[in-house]
Amino acid sequence: MLFCNNMKERIGRRIFSMMMWCARLYWRTFRIKTRGARMLLVRDSEVLLVRHRWGSTFALPGGRVKRKETFLEGAQREIREELHVDPPRVVELLGTYTSQGEGKKDTIQIFVGHAEKGWEPGKVSTVEIAEWDWYNLEQLPENISPGTLRRVQEYVAGDRNVEKKW
């Protein structure tokens, strides 16, 4: 059974890689602009991080903002979809970031949400999320994405309403 699961995951990653290659070609050709939103979920001195099925690094939950959504609405919807729970109260905007790393112009807003004691995501059963966990703000996992590490460090340093490159 383990072999079967590993094989499914490897095939899934290959297909995802091919799809991403095609998407990047499209983005570069047509100079696509996208909007994304993530949420830095904090509980006491911990931050919630997720690992997507197609990746090996931990990141903040979030994703694409739909056409008629605000950035905040997109972040809240992504929390519901990825974590199967209503998002906690959003306290503030950490920042607005831009990226052109994949051949498209990406604008990403990150919101800070404070989770009450006992607030937990639901069972991971989505196609997207492989796992989630709470990590101490000062002891993050080694396989955290570089952009996520920078965002957590900005939060810990007290930075807010940041505007910079991802």
Protein backbone atom coordinates (compact mmCIF):
# COMPACT_ATOMS: atom_id res chain seq x y z
CA MET A 1 0.00 0.00 0.00
CA LEU A 2 2.87 2.38 0.82
CA PHE A 3 4.39 1.77 -2.63
CA CYS A 4 1.04 2.52 -4.26
CA ASN A 5 0.65 5.80 -2.32
CA ASN A 6 4.22 6.88 -3.13
CA MET A 7 3.70 6.10 -6.81
CA LYS A 8 0.45 8.12 -6.89
CA GLU A 9 2.21 11.05 -5.25
CA ARG A 10 5.16 10.90 -7.68
CA ILE A 11 2.86 10.71 -10.71
CA GLY A 12 0.80 13.59 -9.32
CA ARG A 13 3.92 15.72 -8.87
CA ARG A 14 5.05 14.96 -12.45
CA ILE A 15 1.68 15.93 -13.87
CA PHE A 16 1.64 19.08 -11.74
CA SER A 17 5.16 19.98 -12.95
CA MET A 18 4.12 19.60 -16.58
CA MET A 19 0.99 21.71 -15.98
CA MET A 20 3.07 24.41 -14.28
CA TRP A 21 5.51 24.48 -17.22
CA CYS A 22 2.59 25.07 -19.59
CA ALA A 23 1.12 27.71 -17.29
CA ARG A 24 4.45 29.60 -17.07
CA LEU A 25 4.74 29.61 -20.86
CA TYR A 26 1.20 31.04 -21.10
CA TRP A 27 1.92 33.67 -18.40
CA ARG A 28 5.12 34.82 -20.10
CA THR A 29 3.50 34.95 -23.53
CA PHE A 30 0.42 36.94 -22.47
CA ARG A 31 1.95 38.89 -19.52
CA ILE A 32 -0.71 37.76 -17.08
CA LYS A 33 -1.43 39.63 -13.83
CA THR A 34 -2.64 37.59 -10.87
CA ARG A 35 -3.77 38.35 -7.33
CA GLY A 36 -3.17 36.14 -4.34
CA ALA A 37 -3.91 36.25 -0.62
CA ARG A 38 -2.49 34.34 2.32
CA MET A 39 -3.09 34.35 6.01
CA LEU A 40 -0.48 34.28 8.74
CA LEU A 41 -2.45 32.48 11.45
CA VAL A 42 -1.04 33.04 14.92
CA ARG A 43 -1.98 31.33 18.19
CA ASP A 44 -0.02 32.40 21.25
CA SER A 45 3.61 32.11 20.03
CA GLU A 46 2.85 29.69 17.20
CA VAL A 47 2.14 30.02 13.48
CA LEU A 48 0.12 27.59 11.35
CA LEU A 49 1.92 26.32 8.24
CA VAL A 50 0.73 23.98 5.49
CA ARG A 51 2.51 21.70 3.06
CA HIS A 52 0.89 21.26 -0.33
CA ARG A 53 0.74 17.80 -1.87
CA TRP A 54 2.88 18.86 -4.83
CA GLY A 55 5.63 20.47 -2.73
CA SER A 56 8.08 19.65 0.00
CA THR A 57 8.17 23.02 1.78
CA PHE A 58 5.84 24.57 4.35
CA ALA A 59 4.01 27.80 3.51
CA LEU A 60 1.23 30.06 4.71
CA PRO A 61 -2.26 28.92 3.74
CA GLY A 62 -3.87 30.89 0.92
CA GLY A 63 -4.08 31.12 -2.82
CA ARG A 64 -5.61 32.89 -5.81
CA VAL A 65 -8.09 35.73 -5.37
CA LYS A 66 -11.09 35.40 -7.65
CA ARG A 67 -12.16 38.17 -10.01
CA LYS A 68 -14.86 39.85 -7.88
CA GLU A 69 -13.30 39.15 -4.48
CA THR A 70 -11.31 41.50 -2.31
CA PHE A 71 -7.94 40.24 -1.13
CA LEU A 72 -9.37 39.62 2.35
CA GLU A 73 -12.36 37.69 0.99
CA GLY A 74 -9.97 35.55 -1.06
CA ALA A 75 -7.80 34.79 1.97
CA GLN A 76 -10.84 33.82 4.04
CA ARG A 77 -12.25 31.60 1.27
CA GLU A 78 -8.89 29.86 0.87
CA ILE A 79 -8.79 29.12 4.62
CA ARG A 80 -12.25 27.53 4.38
CA GLU A 81 -11.27 25.48 1.31
CA GLU A 82 -7.82 24.36 2.44
CA LEU A 83 -8.39 23.90 6.17
CA HIS A 84 -12.13 23.14 6.37
CA VAL A 85 -12.78 25.69 9.09
CA ASP A 86 -14.01 29.27 9.36
CA PRO A 87 -11.02 31.61 9.53
CA PRO A 88 -10.24 33.39 12.78
CA ARG A 89 -10.60 37.14 13.23
CA VAL A 90 -8.27 39.12 10.95
CA VAL A 91 -6.38 41.70 12.91
CA GLU A 92 -4.28 43.51 10.35
CA LEU A 93 -2.56 43.54 7.00
CA LEU A 94 1.03 42.31 7.22
CA GLY A 95 1.83 43.58 3.74
CA THR A 96 1.42 43.72 0.00
CA TYR A 97 4.05 41.91 -2.03
CA THR A 98 4.83 41.64 -5.72
CA SER A 99 6.53 38.88 -7.65
CA GLN A 100 7.45 38.26 -11.26
CA GLY A 101 9.28 35.00 -10.62
CA GLU A 102 7.02 32.74 -12.69
CA GLY A 103 6.62 35.00 -15.70
CA LYS A 104 3.49 36.73 -14.43
CA LYS A 105 2.95 39.84 -12.34
CA ASP A 106 1.74 38.57 -8.99
CA THR A 107 0.36 40.82 -6.24
CA ILE A 108 -0.07 39.05 -2.90
CA GLN A 109 -1.54 40.41 0.31
CA ILE A 110 -0.90 38.69 3.63
CA PHE A 111 -3.29 39.16 6.53
CA VAL A 112 -2.62 38.35 10.18
CA GLY A 113 -5.31 36.29 11.89
CA HIS A 114 -5.28 35.52 15.60
CA ALA A 115 -6.67 32.11 16.48
CA GLU A 116 -8.24 31.56 19.88
CA LYS A 117 -7.12 28.66 22.02
CA GLY A 118 -8.85 25.55 20.73
CA TRP A 119 -9.18 26.84 17.14
CA GLU A 120 -7.96 24.05 14.90
CA PRO A 121 -8.22 23.33 11.19
CA GLY A 122 -10.43 20.45 10.16
CA LYS A 123 -9.32 17.11 8.82
CA VAL A 124 -6.95 17.38 5.86
CA SER A 125 -8.83 15.82 3.00
CA THR A 126 -8.27 18.20 0.13
CA VAL A 127 -6.40 17.57 -3.05
CA GLU A 128 -4.14 20.52 -2.20
CA ILE A 129 -2.97 20.11 1.40
CA ALA A 130 -0.84 17.18 2.52
CA GLU A 131 -0.41 18.33 6.13
CA TRP A 132 -0.59 21.29 8.49
CA ASP A 133 0.88 21.98 11.90
CA TRP A 134 1.52 24.72 14.44
CA TYR A 135 5.17 25.83 14.78
CA ASN A 136 6.81 28.04 17.37
CA LEU A 137 7.55 31.44 15.82
CA GLU A 138 11.19 31.07 16.90
CA GLN A 139 11.60 27.39 15.85
CA LEU A 140 10.30 27.05 12.32
CA PRO A 141 10.76 23.86 10.28
CA GLU A 142 13.88 23.54 8.14
CA ASN A 143 11.79 22.96 5.02
CA ILE A 144 9.90 26.27 5.19
CA SER A 145 9.73 28.19 1.90
CA PRO A 146 12.09 31.21 1.77
CA GLY A 147 9.23 33.66 1.16
CA THR A 148 7.23 32.28 4.08
CA LEU A 149 10.29 32.52 6.34
CA ARG A 150 10.71 36.20 5.42
CA ARG A 151 7.02 36.91 6.12
CA VAL A 152 7.17 35.24 9.57
CA GLN A 153 10.36 37.15 10.39
CA GLU A 154 8.67 40.43 9.39
CA TYR A 155 5.74 39.59 11.66
CA VAL A 156 8.02 38.76 14.61
CA ALA A 157 9.99 42.01 14.03
CA GLY A 158 6.73 43.98 14.28
CA ASP A 159 6.64 45.07 10.63
CA ARG A 160 3.16 45.90 9.31
CA ASN A 161 1.74 47.31 6.06
CA VAL A 162 4.93 46.27 4.29
CA GLU A 163 5.21 46.88 0.54
CA LYS A 164 8.03 44.94 -1.14
CA LYS A 165 8.99 42.12 -3.47
CA TRP A 166 8.07 38.60 -2.41
